[in-house]
Amino acid sequence: MLKQRMVKAMDEFKTVLQFKVFRQQEDFYFWVDVVGALGKSLDGASISPSKESCQALLEKYFVTTVPSEEFGNPGYTRLSVAT
């Protein structure tokens, strides 16, 4: 089930041309490089890998993300496909 979610989620993020998506060894996490979309807006909210942007994604789209600054990797956002 997690593998199917991972494939679907990554495929969806790959449709956004400014995002680059990759997966490391973790089972249910993947990373999105948001540098190409920084400063652009999504439904009026500015895209950034900040805590504020992550909170906005959670509140508006129910997508849980973690800003990469928490991992020492600025410009990326980490997502989980686990429920």
N, C-alpha and C. Protein backbone atom coordinates (compact mmCIF):
# COMPACT_ATOMS: atom_id res chain seq x y z
N MET A 1 0.82 -1.20 0.00
CA MET A 1 0.00 0.00 0.00
C MET A 1 0.87 1.27 0.00
N LEU A 2 1.94 1.28 0.82
CA LEU A 2 2.80 2.46 0.85
C LEU A 2 3.49 2.68 -0.49
N LYS A 3 3.89 1.60 -1.13
CA LYS A 3 4.57 1.73 -2.42
C LYS A 3 3.65 2.37 -3.45
N GLN A 4 2.37 1.99 -3.46
CA GLN A 4 1.41 2.57 -4.39
C GLN A 4 1.21 4.06 -4.11
N ARG A 5 1.12 4.40 -2.84
CA ARG A 5 0.98 5.82 -2.47
C ARG A 5 2.20 6.61 -2.91
N MET A 6 3.39 6.02 -2.69
CA MET A 6 4.62 6.69 -3.05
C MET A 6 4.66 6.98 -4.55
N VAL A 7 4.36 5.98 -5.36
CA VAL A 7 4.38 6.15 -6.81
C VAL A 7 3.38 7.21 -7.24
N LYS A 8 2.18 7.16 -6.71
CA LYS A 8 1.15 8.14 -7.08
C LYS A 8 1.54 9.56 -6.66
N ALA A 9 2.01 9.70 -5.43
CA ALA A 9 2.39 11.03 -4.93
C ALA A 9 3.54 11.60 -5.75
N MET A 10 4.57 10.80 -5.99
CA MET A 10 5.71 11.30 -6.75
C MET A 10 5.30 11.64 -8.18
N ASP A 11 4.45 10.84 -8.78
CA ASP A 11 3.97 11.13 -10.13
C ASP A 11 3.22 12.46 -10.18
N GLU A 12 2.41 12.72 -9.17
CA GLU A 12 1.66 13.98 -9.12
C GLU A 12 2.59 15.17 -8.99
N PHE A 13 3.58 15.09 -8.12
CA PHE A 13 4.51 16.20 -7.96
C PHE A 13 5.37 16.41 -9.20
N LYS A 14 5.64 15.36 -9.93
CA LYS A 14 6.43 15.48 -11.16
C LYS A 14 5.69 16.26 -12.24
N THR A 15 4.37 16.42 -12.12
CA THR A 15 3.62 17.17 -13.12
C THR A 15 3.85 18.67 -12.99
N VAL A 16 4.39 19.11 -11.87
CA VAL A 16 4.71 20.53 -11.67
C VAL A 16 6.13 20.74 -12.20
N LEU A 17 6.25 21.45 -13.29
CA LEU A 17 7.53 21.57 -13.98
C LEU A 17 8.63 22.18 -13.11
N GLN A 18 8.28 23.06 -12.20
CA GLN A 18 9.29 23.71 -11.37
C GLN A 18 9.81 22.82 -10.24
N PHE A 19 9.15 21.70 -9.98
CA PHE A 19 9.56 20.81 -8.89
C PHE A 19 10.41 19.67 -9.44
N LYS A 20 11.40 19.29 -8.66
CA LYS A 20 12.18 18.08 -8.94
C LYS A 20 11.95 17.15 -7.76
N VAL A 21 11.64 15.91 -8.04
CA VAL A 21 11.25 14.96 -7.02
C VAL A 21 12.27 13.83 -6.96
N PHE A 22 12.65 13.44 -5.75
CA PHE A 22 13.52 12.27 -5.61
C PHE A 22 13.27 11.57 -4.30
N ARG A 23 13.67 10.34 -4.28
CA ARG A 23 13.44 9.49 -3.11
C ARG A 23 14.77 8.93 -2.64
N GLN A 24 14.95 8.89 -1.35
CA GLN A 24 16.13 8.27 -0.79
C GLN A 24 15.75 6.87 -0.32
N GLN A 25 16.46 6.32 0.59
CA GLN A 25 16.23 4.95 1.02
C GLN A 25 15.02 4.78 1.94
N GLU A 26 14.48 5.87 2.46
CA GLU A 26 13.35 5.75 3.36
C GLU A 26 12.17 5.09 2.66
N ASP A 27 11.37 4.40 3.43
CA ASP A 27 10.23 3.70 2.85
C ASP A 27 9.06 4.60 2.49
N PHE A 28 8.82 5.63 3.29
CA PHE A 28 7.62 6.43 3.03
C PHE A 28 7.86 7.93 2.98
N TYR A 29 9.09 8.36 2.75
CA TYR A 29 9.41 9.78 2.58
C TYR A 29 9.98 10.01 1.19
N PHE A 30 9.69 11.20 0.64
CA PHE A 30 10.40 11.64 -0.55
C PHE A 30 10.61 13.14 -0.46
N TRP A 31 11.50 13.65 -1.27
CA TRP A 31 11.90 15.05 -1.24
C TRP A 31 11.44 15.75 -2.51
N VAL A 32 11.06 17.02 -2.35
CA VAL A 32 10.71 17.85 -3.50
C VAL A 32 11.61 19.08 -3.48
N ASP A 33 12.35 19.26 -4.57
CA ASP A 33 13.18 20.45 -4.75
C ASP A 33 12.25 21.57 -5.21
N VAL A 34 12.02 22.56 -4.35
CA VAL A 34 11.09 23.64 -4.66
C VAL A 34 11.78 24.92 -5.11
N VAL A 35 13.10 24.88 -5.30
CA VAL A 35 13.86 26.07 -5.64
C VAL A 35 13.32 26.73 -6.91
N GLY A 36 12.94 25.93 -7.91
CA GLY A 36 12.42 26.47 -9.16
C GLY A 36 11.09 27.17 -9.03
N ALA A 37 10.41 26.99 -7.91
CA ALA A 37 9.09 27.61 -7.71
C ALA A 37 9.08 28.66 -6.60
N LEU A 38 10.25 28.90 -5.99
CA LEU A 38 10.29 29.86 -4.88
C LEU A 38 9.77 31.22 -5.32
N GLY A 39 8.94 31.81 -4.48
CA GLY A 39 8.39 33.12 -4.75
C GLY A 39 7.13 33.10 -5.59
N LYS A 40 6.84 32.00 -6.26
CA LYS A 40 5.61 31.89 -7.03
C LYS A 40 4.47 31.59 -6.05
N SER A 41 3.25 31.71 -6.52
CA SER A 41 2.14 31.49 -5.61
C SER A 41 1.29 30.31 -6.03
N LEU A 42 0.69 29.70 -5.05
CA LEU A 42 -0.25 28.61 -5.24
C LEU A 42 -1.52 29.01 -4.52
N ASP A 43 -2.52 29.37 -5.28
CA ASP A 43 -3.79 29.85 -4.71
C ASP A 43 -3.55 30.98 -3.71
N GLY A 44 -2.67 31.90 -4.08
CA GLY A 44 -2.43 33.07 -3.25
C GLY A 44 -1.37 32.91 -2.18
N ALA A 45 -0.89 31.70 -1.95
CA ALA A 45 0.15 31.47 -0.94
C ALA A 45 1.50 31.35 -1.64
N SER A 46 2.49 32.05 -1.11
CA SER A 46 3.82 32.01 -1.69
C SER A 46 4.48 30.66 -1.42
N ILE A 47 5.13 30.10 -2.43
CA ILE A 47 5.79 28.81 -2.30
C ILE A 47 7.18 29.01 -1.71
N SER A 48 7.45 28.31 -0.64
CA SER A 48 8.77 28.32 -0.02
C SER A 48 8.89 27.07 0.83
N PRO A 49 10.13 26.69 1.18
CA PRO A 49 10.30 25.53 2.04
C PRO A 49 10.24 25.90 3.52
N SER A 50 9.48 26.93 3.84
CA SER A 50 9.42 27.43 5.22
C SER A 50 8.35 26.71 6.04
N LYS A 51 8.43 26.88 7.33
CA LYS A 51 7.42 26.31 8.22
C LYS A 51 6.04 26.87 7.90
N GLU A 52 5.98 28.15 7.53
CA GLU A 52 4.69 28.78 7.22
C GLU A 52 4.06 28.14 5.98
N SER A 53 4.86 27.88 4.96
CA SER A 53 4.33 27.25 3.75
C SER A 53 3.87 25.82 4.03
N CYS A 54 4.64 25.12 4.85
CA CYS A 54 4.26 23.75 5.22
C CYS A 54 2.94 23.75 5.99
N GLN A 55 2.77 24.72 6.86
CA GLN A 55 1.53 24.82 7.62
C GLN A 55 0.36 25.14 6.70
N ALA A 56 0.58 26.02 5.71
CA ALA A 56 -0.47 26.37 4.75
C ALA A 56 -0.89 25.15 3.93
N LEU A 57 0.08 24.32 3.50
CA LEU A 57 -0.25 23.09 2.76
C LEU A 57 -1.08 22.15 3.62
N LEU A 58 -0.75 22.05 4.88
CA LEU A 58 -1.50 21.19 5.78
C LEU A 58 -2.94 21.69 5.95
N GLU A 59 -3.09 22.97 6.20
CA GLU A 59 -4.42 23.53 6.44
C GLU A 59 -5.30 23.54 5.19
N LYS A 60 -4.72 23.82 4.05
CA LYS A 60 -5.52 23.96 2.84
C LYS A 60 -5.71 22.65 2.08
N TYR A 61 -4.65 21.81 2.01
CA TYR A 61 -4.70 20.61 1.18
C TYR A 61 -4.55 19.31 1.98
N PHE A 62 -4.37 19.43 3.29
CA PHE A 62 -4.21 18.26 4.15
C PHE A 62 -2.97 17.44 3.77
N VAL A 63 -1.93 18.14 3.30
CA VAL A 63 -0.66 17.51 2.94
C VAL A 63 0.36 17.88 4.00
N THR A 64 0.92 16.87 4.62
CA THR A 64 1.91 17.11 5.66
C THR A 64 3.30 17.16 5.04
N THR A 65 4.00 18.24 5.26
CA THR A 65 5.36 18.41 4.76
C THR A 65 6.25 18.88 5.89
N VAL A 66 7.54 18.76 5.70
CA VAL A 66 8.51 19.23 6.68
C VAL A 66 9.51 20.10 5.94
N PRO A 67 9.75 21.33 6.42
CA PRO A 67 10.73 22.16 5.73
C PRO A 67 12.12 21.57 5.85
N SER A 68 12.88 21.66 4.79
CA SER A 68 14.19 21.02 4.75
C SER A 68 15.21 21.68 5.66
N GLU A 69 14.94 22.88 6.11
CA GLU A 69 15.86 23.51 7.06
C GLU A 69 16.01 22.65 8.31
N GLU A 70 14.98 21.89 8.63
CA GLU A 70 15.03 21.00 9.78
C GLU A 70 16.08 19.90 9.60
N PHE A 71 16.47 19.65 8.34
CA PHE A 71 17.43 18.60 8.01
C PHE A 71 18.72 19.16 7.45
N GLY A 72 18.86 20.48 7.49
CA GLY A 72 20.06 21.11 6.96
C GLY A 72 20.16 21.06 5.44
N ASN A 73 19.01 21.07 4.77
CA ASN A 73 18.97 20.92 3.33
C ASN A 73 18.03 21.97 2.73
N PRO A 74 18.41 23.26 2.72
CA PRO A 74 17.51 24.31 2.28
C PRO A 74 17.11 24.17 0.81
N GLY A 75 15.87 24.56 0.52
CA GLY A 75 15.36 24.51 -0.85
C GLY A 75 14.54 23.28 -1.16
N TYR A 76 14.38 22.41 -0.18
CA TYR A 76 13.63 21.18 -0.36
C TYR A 76 12.52 21.07 0.67
N THR A 77 11.54 20.24 0.36
CA THR A 77 10.48 19.92 1.30
C THR A 77 10.38 18.40 1.35
N ARG A 78 10.25 17.87 2.55
CA ARG A 78 10.13 16.41 2.71
C ARG A 78 8.67 16.06 2.93
N LEU A 79 8.21 15.03 2.24
CA LEU A 79 6.83 14.58 2.35
C LEU A 79 6.79 13.11 2.73
N SER A 80 5.73 12.75 3.41
CA SER A 80 5.51 11.37 3.81
C SER A 80 4.23 10.86 3.17
N VAL A 81 4.23 9.60 2.77
CA VAL A 81 3.02 8.99 2.23
C VAL A 81 2.34 8.08 3.25
N ALA A 82 2.88 8.04 4.45
CA ALA A 82 2.27 7.25 5.53
C ALA A 82 1.05 7.97 6.07
N THR A 83 0.12 7.23 6.59
CA THR A 83 -1.06 7.86 7.19
C THR A 83 -1.03 7.70 8.69
